[in-house]
Amino acid sequence: AEQLTAFEVWLDGGGRCSHPPEQLPVVLQVLLSQAHRLRALVLLGKFLDLGPWAVDAALSVGIFPYVLKLLQTTASDLRHILVFIWAKLLAVDLSCQVDLVKDGGHTYFLRFL
């Protein structure tokens, strides 16, 4: 939880420099914890909203398998933020589109259209 708070402070402080905060890899690990998952996803979404450099940074620390696995969840409270995160990933990195379809993740979005 401390790392999430530090990440949030970094985001609230502007987070506009083009290098990721040191907490980014830890935020990805927190996605595995149900207790902090929603908060971590919301903060991750805010980070990805900083631009293509942020998406690239998140992908470089290994976000893809984490958010791909989360598409298996049936938790409706995660739906909006997951769609937002995936929209950011797919808009910046076209290889994510191929991997998403290859792993069957696209069916998550088809269920809600």
Foldseek 3Di string as FASTA:
>chain_A
DVLLVVLVVCLVVPVQDLDHDPSLLVLLVCCVPPVCNQSSLVSLLSQLVSDLSSLVNNVVSPNLVSLLVVLPDPDPSCVVSSVSNVVSNCVRDVVSVVVCVVVPSVVSVVVVD
